[in-house]
Each structure stands twice: as structure tokens, then as C-alpha cells.
C-alpha atoms as a PDB file:
ATOM      1  CA  MET A   1      -4.503  -0.467   1.648  1.00  0.00           C
ATOM      2  CA  THR A   2      -6.616   1.411  -0.716  1.00  0.00           C
ATOM      3  CA  TYR A   3      -6.530   4.605  -2.700  1.00  0.00           C
ATOM      4  CA  CYS A   4      -9.756   6.252  -4.183  1.00  0.00           C
ATOM      5  CA  LEU A   5     -10.227   9.850  -5.330  1.00  0.00           C
ATOM      6  CA  GLY A   6     -13.095  11.987  -6.645  1.00  0.00           C
ATOM      7  CA  ILE A   7     -12.656  15.162  -8.722  1.00  0.00           C
ATOM      8  CA  LEU A   8     -15.342  17.784  -9.074  1.00  0.00           C
ATOM      9  CA  THR A   9     -15.313  20.270 -11.999  1.00  0.00           C
ATOM     10  CA  LYS A  10     -17.696  22.673 -13.803  1.00  0.00           C
ATOM     11  CA  ASP A  11     -18.192  19.901 -16.205  1.00  0.00           C
ATOM     12  CA  GLY A  12     -18.827  17.062 -13.900  1.00  0.00           C
ATOM     13  CA  ILE A  13     -17.142  14.423 -11.729  1.00  0.00           C
ATOM     14  CA  VAL A  14     -14.518  11.851 -12.207  1.00  0.00           C
ATOM     15  CA  MET A  15     -14.170   9.103  -9.870  1.00  0.00           C
ATOM     16  CA  ALA A  16     -11.242   6.394  -9.601  1.00  0.00           C
ATOM     17  CA  ALA A  17     -10.225   3.668  -7.319  1.00  0.00           C
ATOM     18  CA  ASP A  18      -7.849   0.880  -7.091  1.00  0.00           C
ATOM     19  CA  SER A  19      -8.818  -2.795  -6.431  1.00  0.00           C
ATOM     20  CA  ARG A  20      -6.300  -4.269  -4.334  1.00  0.00           C
ATOM     21  CA  THR A  21      -6.889  -5.612  -0.716  1.00  0.00           C
ATOM     22  CA  ASN A  22      -4.390  -6.914   1.709  1.00  0.00           C
ATOM     23  CA  ALA A  23      -4.787  -9.055   4.756  1.00  0.00           C
ATOM     24  CA  GLY A  24      -1.092  -9.918   5.276  1.00  0.00           C
ATOM     25  CA  ASN A  25       1.721 -10.632   2.908  1.00  0.00           C
ATOM     26  CA  ASP A  26       0.069 -13.898   1.718  1.00  0.00           C
ATOM     27  CA  GLN A  27      -3.353 -12.606   1.177  1.00  0.00           C
ATOM     28  CA  VAL A  28      -3.428 -10.190  -1.603  1.00  0.00           C
ATOM     29  CA  ASN A  29      -6.719 -10.026  -3.466  1.00  0.00           C
ATOM     30  CA  THR A  30      -8.720  -7.962  -5.842  1.00  0.00           C
ATOM     31  CA  THR A  31     -12.023  -6.514  -5.117  1.00  0.00           C
ATOM     32  CA  ARG A  32     -14.342  -3.675  -6.474  1.00  0.00           C
ATOM     33  CA  LYS A  33     -14.352  -0.429  -4.372  1.00  0.00           C
ATOM     34  CA  LEU A  34     -16.390   1.761  -6.762  1.00  0.00           C
ATOM     35  CA  PHE A  35     -20.178   1.291  -6.803  1.00  0.00           C
ATOM     36  CA  THR A  36     -23.038   3.026  -8.763  1.00  0.00           C
ATOM     37  CA  PHE A  37     -26.603   3.713  -7.765  1.00  0.00           C
ATOM     38  CA  THR A  38     -28.510   5.005 -10.728  1.00  0.00           C
ATOM     39  CA  LYS A  39     -32.186   5.858 -11.888  1.00  0.00           C
ATOM     40  CA  PRO A  40     -31.545   6.862 -15.557  1.00  0.00           C
ATOM     41  CA  GLY A  41     -32.867  10.375 -16.235  1.00  0.00           C
ATOM     42  CA  GLU A  42     -33.426  10.990 -12.547  1.00  0.00           C
ATOM     43  CA  ARG A  43     -30.223  10.465 -10.469  1.00  0.00           C
ATOM     44  CA  ALA A  44     -26.845   8.935 -10.818  1.00  0.00           C
ATOM     45  CA  MET A  45     -24.810   8.476  -7.598  1.00  0.00           C
ATOM     46  CA  PHE A  46     -21.305   6.775  -6.869  1.00  0.00           C
ATOM     47  CA  VAL A  47     -19.705   5.330  -3.774  1.00  0.00           C
ATOM     48  CA  ALA A  48     -15.961   4.521  -3.310  1.00  0.00           C
ATOM     49  CA  CYS A  49     -14.697   2.809  -0.180  1.00  0.00           C
ATOM     50  CA  SER A  50     -11.515   2.347   1.744  1.00  0.00           C
ATOM     51  CA  GLY A  51     -10.687   0.988   5.100  1.00  0.00           C
ATOM     52  CA  SER A  52     -11.878  -2.401   6.588  1.00  0.00           C
ATOM     53  CA  LEU A  53     -13.198  -4.423   3.623  1.00  0.00           C
ATOM     54  CA  SER A  54     -15.757  -6.277   5.760  1.00  0.00           C
ATOM     55  CA  CYS A  55     -17.146  -3.070   7.230  1.00  0.00           C
ATOM     56  CA  ALA A  56     -17.288  -1.404   3.641  1.00  0.00           C
ATOM     57  CA  GLN A  57     -19.010  -4.295   2.224  1.00  0.00           C
ATOM     58  CA  SER A  58     -21.565  -4.072   5.053  1.00  0.00           C
ATOM     59  CA  VAL A  59     -22.201  -0.450   4.238  1.00  0.00           C
ATOM     60  CA  ILE A  60     -22.471  -0.926   0.544  1.00  0.00           C
ATOM     61  CA  THR A  61     -24.920  -3.892   1.274  1.00  0.00           C
ATOM     62  CA  LEU A  62     -27.128  -1.732   3.388  1.00  0.00           C
ATOM     63  CA  LEU A  63     -27.119   1.007   0.720  1.00  0.00           C
ATOM     64  CA  ARG A  64     -27.912  -1.376  -2.085  1.00  0.00           C
ATOM     65  CA  ARG A  65     -30.895  -2.955  -0.105  1.00  0.00           C
ATOM     66  CA  SER A  66     -32.580   0.229   0.488  1.00  0.00           C
ATOM     67  CA  PHE A  67     -32.000   1.563  -3.077  1.00  0.00           C
ATOM     68  CA  ASP A  68     -33.402  -1.677  -4.656  1.00  0.00           C
ATOM     69  CA  SER A  69     -36.439  -1.300  -2.555  1.00  0.00           C
ATOM     70  CA  GLY A  70     -37.074   2.348  -3.751  1.00  0.00           C
ATOM     71  CA  GLU A  71     -35.712   3.904  -0.526  1.00  0.00           C
ATOM     72  CA  GLY A  72     -32.645   5.534   0.676  1.00  0.00           C
ATOM     73  CA  LEU A  73     -30.475   6.844  -2.172  1.00  0.00           C
ATOM     74  CA  ALA A  74     -33.375   5.991  -4.549  1.00  0.00           C
ATOM     75  CA  SER A  75     -35.783   8.464  -3.102  1.00  0.00           C
ATOM     76  CA  CYS A  76     -33.522  11.273  -1.318  1.00  0.00           C
ATOM     77  CA  GLU A  77     -34.474  14.622  -2.215  1.00  0.00           C
ATOM     78  CA  ASN A  78     -30.925  16.152  -2.734  1.00  0.00           C
ATOM     79  CA  MET A  79     -27.376  15.010  -2.658  1.00  0.00           C
ATOM     80  CA  TYR A  80     -26.719  16.246   0.972  1.00  0.00           C
ATOM     81  CA  ASP A  81     -29.610  14.264   2.088  1.00  0.00           C
ATOM     82  CA  GLY A  82     -27.877  11.236   0.286  1.00  0.00           C
ATOM     83  CA  ALA A  83     -24.525  11.925   2.098  1.00  0.00           C
ATOM     84  CA  ARG A  84     -26.415  11.907   5.444  1.00  0.00           C
ATOM     85  CA  LEU A  85     -28.118   8.500   4.330  1.00  0.00           C
ATOM     86  CA  VAL A  86     -24.486   7.106   3.614  1.00  0.00           C
ATOM     87  CA  GLY A  87     -23.330   8.299   7.014  1.00  0.00           C
ATOM     88  CA  GLU A  88     -26.415   6.560   8.789  1.00  0.00           C
ATOM     89  CA  ALA A  89     -25.503   3.345   7.005  1.00  0.00           C
ATOM     90  CA  VAL A  90     -21.756   3.841   8.454  1.00  0.00           C
ATOM     91  CA  ARG A  91     -23.237   4.423  11.931  1.00  0.00           C
ATOM     92  CA  SER A  92     -25.444   1.429  11.641  1.00  0.00           C
ATOM     93  CA  VAL A  93     -22.667  -0.985  10.791  1.00  0.00           C
ATOM     94  CA  ALA A  94     -20.471   0.645  13.563  1.00  0.00           C
ATOM     95  CA  LYS A  95     -23.342  -0.051  16.054  1.00  0.00           C
ATOM     96  CA  LEU A  96     -23.256  -3.727  15.026  1.00  0.00           C
ATOM     97  CA  ASP A  97     -19.519  -4.275  14.903  1.00  0.00           C
ATOM     98  CA  ARG A  98     -17.467  -1.610  16.518  1.00  0.00           C
ATOM     99  CA  ASP A  99     -17.688  -3.326  19.988  1.00  0.00           C
ATOM    100  CA  HIS A 100     -16.707  -6.726  18.741  1.00  0.00           C
ATOM    101  CA  LEU A 101     -13.923  -5.168  16.742  1.00  0.00           C
ATOM    102  CA  GLU A 102     -12.539  -3.079  19.559  1.00  0.00           C
ATOM    103  CA  ARG A 103     -12.671  -6.090  21.932  1.00  0.00           C
ATOM    104  CA  ASP A 104     -10.106  -7.745  19.834  1.00  0.00           C
ATOM    105  CA  SER A 105      -7.964  -4.413  19.377  1.00  0.00           C
ATOM    106  CA  MET A 106      -9.259  -3.703  16.038  1.00  0.00           C
ATOM    107  CA  ASN A 107     -10.263  -0.440  14.864  1.00  0.00           C
ATOM    108  CA  PHE A 108     -13.674   0.337  13.125  1.00  0.00           C
ATOM    109  CA  ASN A 109     -12.415   1.946   9.935  1.00  0.00           C
ATOM    110  CA  VAL A 110     -14.311   2.753   6.888  1.00  0.00           C
ATOM    111  CA  THR A 111     -14.364   5.916   4.898  1.00  0.00           C
ATOM    112  CA  LEU A 112     -16.163   6.752   1.726  1.00  0.00           C
ATOM    113  CA  LEU A 113     -16.507   8.920  -1.037  1.00  0.00           C
ATOM    114  CA  PHE A 114     -20.217   9.823  -2.233  1.00  0.00           C
ATOM    115  CA  ALA A 115     -20.718  11.722  -5.392  1.00  0.00           C
ATOM    116  CA  GLY A 116     -23.196  12.174  -8.247  1.00  0.00           C
ATOM    117  CA  GLN A 117     -26.252  14.344  -9.235  1.00  0.00           C
ATOM    118  CA  ILE A 118     -29.967  14.425  -8.608  1.00  0.00           C
ATOM    119  CA  LYS A 119     -31.913  16.127 -11.318  1.00  0.00           C
ATOM    120  CA  GLY A 120     -32.493  19.743 -10.528  1.00  0.00           C
ATOM    121  CA  GLU A 121     -29.243  20.441  -8.679  1.00  0.00           C
ATOM    122  CA  PRO A 122     -25.589  20.494  -9.636  1.00  0.00           C
ATOM    123  CA  PRO A 123     -23.188  17.584  -9.216  1.00  0.00           C
ATOM    124  CA  GLN A 124     -21.692  17.179  -5.840  1.00  0.00           C
ATOM    125  CA  LEU A 125     -18.920  15.225  -4.098  1.00  0.00           C
ATOM    126  CA  TYR A 126     -18.545  14.399  -0.328  1.00  0.00           C
ATOM    127  CA  MET A 127     -16.197  12.322   1.886  1.00  0.00           C
ATOM    128  CA  ILE A 128     -18.181  10.357   4.608  1.00  0.00           C
ATOM    129  CA  TYR A 129     -15.855   9.859   7.684  1.00  0.00           C
ATOM    130  CA  PRO A 130     -16.048   6.773   9.906  1.00  0.00           C
ATOM    131  CA  GLN A 131     -18.176   8.774  12.414  1.00  0.00           C
ATOM    132  CA  GLY A 132     -20.755   9.191   9.744  1.00  0.00           C
ATOM    133  CA  ASN A 133     -20.442  12.873   9.072  1.00  0.00           C
ATOM    134  CA  PRO A 134     -19.953  14.254   5.569  1.00  0.00           C
ATOM    135  CA  LEU A 135     -17.340  16.922   4.130  1.00  0.00           C
ATOM    136  CA  ARG A 136     -18.205  18.439   0.895  1.00  0.00           C
ATOM    137  CA  ALA A 137     -15.792  19.339  -2.029  1.00  0.00           C
ATOM    138  CA  THR A 138     -15.982  22.978  -3.065  1.00  0.00           C
ATOM    139  CA  GLU A 139     -14.746  25.029  -6.107  1.00  0.00           C
ATOM    140  CA  ASP A 140     -11.660  26.021  -3.879  1.00  0.00           C
ATOM    141  CA  ALA A 141     -11.167  22.290  -2.960  1.00  0.00           C
ATOM    142  CA  PRO A 142     -12.445  20.379  -5.872  1.00  0.00           C
ATOM    143  CA  PHE A 143     -11.109  17.060  -5.125  1.00  0.00           C
ATOM    144  CA  LEU A 144     -11.332  14.543  -2.227  1.00  0.00           C
ATOM    145  CA  GLN A 145      -9.148  11.397  -1.625  1.00  0.00           C
ATOM    146  CA  ILE A 146      -9.324   8.458   0.724  1.00  0.00           C
ATOM    147  CA  GLY A 147      -6.946   5.564   1.753  1.00  0.00           C
ATOM    148  CA  GLU A 148      -3.346   5.995   0.817  1.00  0.00           C
ATOM    149  CA  VAL A 149      -3.456   9.685  -0.344  1.00  0.00           C
ATOM    150  CA  LYS A 150      -0.058  11.131   0.103  1.00  0.00           C
ATOM    151  CA  TYR A 151       1.621   9.833  -3.076  1.00  0.00           C
ATOM    152  CA  GLY A 152      -1.134  10.825  -5.503  1.00  0.00           C
ATOM    153  CA  ARG A 153      -1.912  14.216  -4.082  1.00  0.00           C
ATOM    154  CA  PRO A 154       1.031  16.418  -5.402  1.00  0.00           C
ATOM    155  CA  ILE A 155      -0.156  16.239  -9.102  1.00  0.00           C
ATOM    156  CA  LEU A 156      -3.910  16.976  -8.045  1.00  0.00           C
ATOM    157  CA  ASP A 157      -2.721  20.045  -5.982  1.00  0.00           C
ATOM    158  CA  ARG A 158      -0.633  21.297  -8.939  1.00  0.00           C
ATOM    159  CA  GLY A 159      -3.122  20.647 -11.642  1.00  0.00           C
ATOM    160  CA  VAL A 160      -6.787  20.457 -10.754  1.00  0.00           C
ATOM    161  CA  ARG A 161      -8.948  23.470 -10.866  1.00  0.00           C
ATOM    162  CA  PHE A 162     -12.719  23.543 -10.614  1.00  0.00           C
ATOM    163  CA  GLU A 163     -13.176  26.040 -13.537  1.00  0.00           C
ATOM    164  CA  LYS A 164     -10.400  25.213 -15.825  1.00  0.00           C
ATOM    165  CA  THR A 165      -9.943  21.357 -15.670  1.00  0.00           C
ATOM    166  CA  SER A 166     -11.946  19.567 -18.298  1.00  0.00           C
ATOM    167  CA  LEU A 167     -13.444  16.089 -17.581  1.00  0.00           C
ATOM    168  CA  GLN A 168     -10.734  14.479 -19.967  1.00  0.00           C
ATOM    169  CA  ASP A 169      -8.027  16.316 -18.111  1.00  0.00           C
ATOM    170  CA  ALA A 170      -9.633  15.420 -14.749  1.00  0.00           C
ATOM    171  CA  ALA A 171      -9.565  11.672 -15.867  1.00  0.00           C
ATOM    172  CA  ARG A 172      -5.826  12.117 -16.875  1.00  0.00           C
ATOM    173  CA  TYR A 173      -4.946  13.481 -13.577  1.00  0.00           C
ATOM    174  CA  ALA A 174      -6.780  10.585 -11.792  1.00  0.00           C
ATOM    175  CA  LEU A 175      -4.825   8.005 -13.533  1.00  0.00           C
ATOM    176  CA  ILE A 176      -1.608   9.705 -13.064  1.00  0.00           C
ATOM    177  CA  SER A 177      -2.444  10.110  -9.378  1.00  0.00           C
ATOM    178  CA  LEU A 178      -3.385   6.375  -9.060  1.00  0.00           C
ATOM    179  CA  ASP A 179      -0.132   5.467 -11.068  1.00  0.00           C
ATOM    180  CA  SER A 180       2.062   7.467  -8.877  1.00  0.00           C
ATOM    181  CA  THR A 181       0.538   5.802  -5.780  1.00  0.00           C
ATOM    182  CA  MET A 182       0.975   2.383  -7.135  1.00  0.00           C
ATOM    183  CA  LYS A 183       4.632   3.196  -8.140  1.00  0.00           C
ATOM    184  CA  SER A 184       5.367   4.126  -4.437  1.00  0.00           C
ATOM    185  CA  ASN A 185       3.034   1.813  -2.390  1.00  0.00           C
ATOM    186  CA  VAL A 186       2.711  -1.845  -3.270  1.00  0.00           C
ATOM    187  CA  THR A 187      -0.536  -2.145  -1.129  1.00  0.00           C
ATOM    188  CA  VAL A 188      -2.447  -0.128  -3.901  1.00  0.00           C
ATOM    189  CA  GLY A 189      -2.735  -1.976  -7.176  1.00  0.00           C
ATOM    190  CA  PRO A 190      -4.759  -2.533 -10.232  1.00  0.00           C
ATOM    191  CA  PRO A 191      -7.271  -3.146 -11.595  1.00  0.00           C
ATOM    192  CA  ILE A 192      -8.225   0.639 -11.704  1.00  0.00           C
ATOM    193  CA  ASP A 193     -11.890   1.598 -12.095  1.00  0.00           C
ATOM    194  CA  LEU A 194     -12.425   5.028 -13.618  1.00  0.00           C
ATOM    195  CA  LEU A 195     -15.818   6.739 -14.044  1.00  0.00           C
ATOM    196  CA  MET A 196     -16.564   9.888 -15.915  1.00  0.00           C
ATOM    197  CA  TYR A 197     -19.800  11.586 -15.191  1.00  0.00           C
ATOM    198  CA  PRO A 198     -20.755  14.819 -17.378  1.00  0.00           C
ATOM    199  CA  THR A 199     -23.223  16.958 -15.819  1.00  0.00           C
ATOM    200  CA  ASN A 200     -26.870  16.200 -16.276  1.00  0.00           C
ATOM    201  CA  GLU A 201     -26.196  13.050 -18.003  1.00  0.00           C
ATOM    202  CA  LEU A 202     -28.083  11.361 -15.153  1.00  0.00           C
ATOM    203  CA  ASP A 203     -26.694   7.892 -15.939  1.00  0.00           C
ATOM    204  CA  VAL A 204     -23.340   5.912 -15.974  1.00  0.00           C
ATOM    205  CA  LYS A 205     -22.258   5.601 -19.519  1.00  0.00           C
ATOM    206  CA  ARG A 206     -18.501   6.465 -19.250  1.00  0.00           C
ATOM    207  CA  ARG A 207     -16.824   3.854 -17.106  1.00  0.00           C
ATOM    208  CA  ARG A 208     -13.655   1.668 -17.718  1.00  0.00           C
ATOM    209  CA  ARG A 209     -11.580  -0.883 -15.777  1.00  0.00           C
ATOM    210  CA  PHE A 210      -7.898  -0.709 -16.504  1.00  0.00           C
ATOM    211  CA  GLU A 211      -6.270  -4.177 -15.969  1.00  0.00           C
ATOM    212  CA  PRO A 212      -2.592  -4.234 -15.188  1.00  0.00           C
ATOM    213  CA  GLU A 213      -1.412  -4.385 -18.907  1.00  0.00           C
ATOM    214  CA  ASP A 214      -4.077  -2.135 -20.315  1.00  0.00           C
ATOM    215  CA  PRO A 215      -2.289  -0.439 -23.322  1.00  0.00           C
ATOM    216  CA  LEU A 216      -3.926   2.860 -22.693  1.00  0.00           C
ATOM    217  CA  LEU A 217      -2.717   2.959 -19.013  1.00  0.00           C
ATOM    218  CA  ASN A 218       0.813   1.761 -19.945  1.00  0.00           C
ATOM    219  CA  ASP A 219       1.037   4.462 -22.608  1.00  0.00           C
ATOM    220  CA  ILE A 220       0.055   7.266 -20.168  1.00  0.00           C
ATOM    221  CA  ARG A 221       2.496   5.911 -17.555  1.00  0.00           C
ATOM    222  CA  GLN A 222       5.307   5.824 -19.956  1.00  0.00           C
ATOM    223  CA  ARG A 223       4.601   9.050 -21.471  1.00  0.00           C
ATOM    224  CA  TRP A 224       4.322  10.629 -17.988  1.00  0.00           C
ATOM    225  CA  ASP A 225       7.685   9.102 -16.809  1.00  0.00           C
ATOM    226  CA  ARG A 226       9.347  10.511 -19.956  1.00  0.00           C
ATOM    227  CA  LEU A 227       7.758  13.958 -19.734  1.00  0.00           C
ATOM    228  CA  LEU A 228       8.847  14.235 -16.096  1.00  0.00           C
ATOM    229  CA  ARG A 229      12.443  13.333 -16.885  1.00  0.00           C
ATOM    230  CA  ASP A 230      12.529  15.675 -19.886  1.00  0.00           C
ATOM    231  CA  ALA A 231      11.008  18.438 -17.830  1.00  0.00           C
ATOM    232  CA  VAL A 232      13.765  18.323 -15.243  1.00  0.00           C
ATOM    233  CA  THR A 233      16.367  18.821 -17.936  1.00  0.00           C
ATOM    234  CA  THR A 234      14.749  22.116 -18.830  1.00  0.00           C
ATOM    235  CA  LEU A 235      14.826  23.609 -15.356  1.00  0.00           C
ATOM    236  CA  PRO A 236      17.601  26.432 -14.778  1.00  0.00           C
ATOM    237  CA  MET A 237      20.969  25.144 -13.970  1.00  0.00           C
ATOM    238  CA  ILE A 238      21.820  25.147 -10.213  1.00  0.00           C
ATOM    239  CA  ASN A 239      25.191  26.838 -10.091  1.00  0.00           C
ATOM    240  CA  LEU A 240      26.886  26.294  -6.661  1.00  0.00           C
ATOM    241  CA  ILE A 241      30.060  28.265  -5.922  1.00  0.00           C
ATOM    242  CA  PRO A 242      32.739  25.988  -4.482  1.00  0.00           C
ATOM    243  CA  GLU A 243      33.776  27.057  -0.800  1.00  0.00           C
ATOM    244  CA  GLY A 244      37.203  28.174   0.030  1.00  0.00           C
END
């Protein structure tokens, strides 16, 4: 399984992804799921993927080939067109592989997050569905998740606000969300790739990979656990009157 998320704020974008892949109990591996496509000073774009690893790798390969040749994401005029190009890559892979997968009772399953900024427009965040159609994050719904989303969603629902959440806080929410998911689902695991993009930076300068024993990640995890337990003890007493 996989867990990736993107958070859009007035100050920019935070993206995060785990790195665990599973093909059975005895095939647990690590692979990167967060990718960047940049032309410094002009555009900075990020793609995170979940679902079938082979299908996702094919989509990323198509996007990278066109980008490196100066086409596709390297030349689209706006982020919406970029989201559509990512969707077209998904459909191209589906056209190649879907029938063969379904013939062996396997689903074509790949979902992506696409985010970033092209000079002249604000940062944007999209989810690209397996059918290739995009969904855009908004000020009212400023985060998107793919993969194993349920364990990491509550903290995002409670805390993330487009206008009020700083990039630093968004990064903290992202790490807590990933850690909560890893604690409840062993199919999601480190390393964690985290990317912080301030509006108008138009490059990728703030990126970090958190290995399993990363001191900062462990510090955040331990403090969060302790603060949660301490917070429970400060809540009002629950006084139940004995029956009879």
C-alpha cells in the first residue's frame, strides 16, 4: 500500500510520500513515489503516485521522457493543462496495459497527485484519477490524499487551513499524518520524502528524506505521542451516575 498527500496553503505547497511497496508478505521493498519536474525560474512541478507500482512507473517514465525533450510538462502553459497531460499519460498506460491486466483478474490502478507552479499563476494541487480526470484542491478543501488515506486524515481535517496554516505547520501536519498512518498500517512505511515549496520559488530547494531512525522524525513522533496523552488528561471529567 501507499500513502501520499499534498497540502496547499496561501504560502505554498507541502508534498509527502512514504516509500514502502508490497507484493506479498515476503516482498516488501522501498521505492521513491515523489518526483520533481523543474525548470528553475520558470516552473516547478511535483508528482506523487499510488496504486500499481508498474503502472505508476510507466506513467512517470512517459512524463519524464516528454519533459526531458522540452515537451509535455516542460512546455504546458498552465497547471490545469499540466494536470490534463498527466491524465493523458495515465490513459496511455491504461491503453497499453488495462486489457492484459484484466485478463488475469488484475485491476488497472494508479492515482497521482500533481502540484506545483508555473510562473505567472498561483501554486495549484490536483489529484489525477485512474481514468485520467483531475480534481483540484481549493481554499475550502486545501489538502488531497491518495493510497491509505483514512488513518492520516483526522489530523488534517482538524488542523489544516488554507489561510492560517504556515508552510512549517503544513510540514508538521504532513509528518504527523504519515506517522499516524505508519503506526496503524504496516503496509505504509519509511523512508518518508517531504517537499516544501514556497510560492514563487520556482525551483525545488527544500526537500528531505526521513529514514526510519531519523532524529527529527523520532523527536516529532515521541513529542506528538506525549502531547496527545497529556491532552486527554486535561479534558473534562466524564461523570456517570450509577444506575439503581
